C-alpha cells in the first residue's frame, strides 16, 4: 500500500479513501473501524473478567466492573 500512499500524498488510510473515492467511503471506514474496536474491547474485557473470576474468585459482574475501571485508568494515564 505504501506506493499508493506515496503517489497520492495521503498520510493515512482514511485520507487515501477520501482522495480515491469520496467522503461517504471514508465515513463508512471510520464507522466500521469504530464498531470493530468496540467489539475487540468487549472481548478483551470479557477475557480479563474471566481471568479475574478464575484467579481471584470474584463474582463475574464485579470482575467486569473492575476490568472496565482498569481500562479507564490505563486510558486516562496513557493520554
Protein backbone atom coordinates (compact mmCIF):
# COMPACT_ATOMS: atom_id res chain seq x y z
CA UNK A 1 0.00 0.00 0.00
CA UNK A 2 2.92 2.38 0.51
CA UNK A 3 3.33 3.20 -3.21
CA UNK A 4 -0.33 4.22 -3.33
CA UNK A 5 0.06 6.47 -0.28
CA UNK A 6 3.26 7.98 -1.60
CA UNK A 7 1.80 8.63 -5.03
CA UNK A 8 -1.37 10.23 -3.68
CA UNK A 9 0.38 12.19 -0.90
CA UNK A 10 -2.02 10.68 1.64
CA UNK A 11 -0.74 10.13 5.17
CA UNK A 12 -3.38 7.65 6.35
CA UNK A 13 -5.93 5.14 5.09
CA UNK A 14 -8.93 7.44 5.75
CA UNK A 15 -7.23 10.28 3.89
CA UNK A 16 -6.42 7.95 0.98
CA UNK A 17 -10.02 6.70 0.86
CA UNK A 18 -11.27 10.27 0.84
CA UNK A 19 -8.94 11.18 -2.04
CA UNK A 20 -9.54 7.98 -4.02
CA UNK A 21 -13.30 7.64 -3.52
CA UNK A 22 -15.38 10.14 -1.54
CA UNK A 23 -16.38 11.29 1.92
CA UNK A 24 -19.04 8.56 2.26
CA UNK A 25 -16.42 5.84 1.83
CA UNK A 26 -14.16 7.47 4.41
CA UNK A 27 -17.12 7.77 6.79
CA UNK A 28 -18.05 4.11 6.31
CA UNK A 29 -14.46 3.11 7.02
CA UNK A 30 -14.47 5.20 10.21
CA UNK A 31 -17.76 3.64 11.33
CA UNK A 32 -16.59 0.08 10.58
CA UNK A 33 -13.32 0.68 12.42
CA UNK A 34 -15.19 2.06 15.46
CA UNK A 35 -17.52 -0.97 15.58
CA UNK A 36 -14.56 -3.35 15.26
CA UNK A 37 -12.75 -1.54 18.07
CA UNK A 38 -15.79 -1.74 20.35
CA UNK A 39 -16.16 -5.49 19.75
CA UNK A 40 -12.44 -6.09 20.28
CA UNK A 41 -12.51 -4.08 23.51
CA UNK A 42 -15.54 -6.04 24.71
CA UNK A 43 -13.83 -9.36 24.01
CA UNK A 44 -10.69 -8.21 25.84
CA UNK A 45 -12.68 -7.05 28.86
CA UNK A 46 -14.62 -10.33 28.89
CA UNK A 47 -11.37 -12.32 28.86
CA UNK A 48 -9.92 -10.14 31.62
CA UNK A 49 -13.05 -10.61 33.74
CA UNK A 50 -12.91 -14.38 33.27
CA UNK A 51 -9.28 -14.36 34.36
CA UNK A 52 -10.11 -12.29 37.46
CA UNK A 53 -13.02 -14.56 38.28
CA UNK A 54 -10.85 -17.66 37.96
CA UNK A 55 -7.69 -16.36 39.62
CA UNK A 56 -9.19 -14.15 42.33
CA UNK A 57 -12.54 -15.87 42.87
CA UNK A 58 -14.51 -12.66 42.28
CA UNK A 59 -18.07 -12.50 41.00
CA UNK A 60 -18.15 -12.19 37.18
CA UNK A 61 -20.14 -8.92 37.20
CA UNK A 62 -17.74 -7.40 39.72
CA UNK A 63 -14.83 -8.61 37.57
CA UNK A 64 -16.33 -6.88 34.51
CA UNK A 65 -16.68 -3.66 36.52
CA UNK A 66 -13.10 -3.90 37.78
CA UNK A 67 -11.74 -4.59 34.28
CA UNK A 68 -13.63 -1.54 32.98
CA UNK A 69 -12.12 0.60 35.74
CA UNK A 70 -8.62 -0.72 34.96
CA UNK A 71 -9.07 0.05 31.26
CA UNK A 72 -10.37 3.56 32.03
CA UNK A 73 -7.44 4.29 34.34
CA UNK A 74 -4.95 2.98 31.79
CA UNK A 75 -6.55 5.02 29.02
CA UNK A 76 -6.59 8.15 31.16
CA UNK A 77 -2.91 7.75 32.10
CA UNK A 78 -1.86 6.98 28.51
CA UNK A 79 -3.30 10.24 27.21
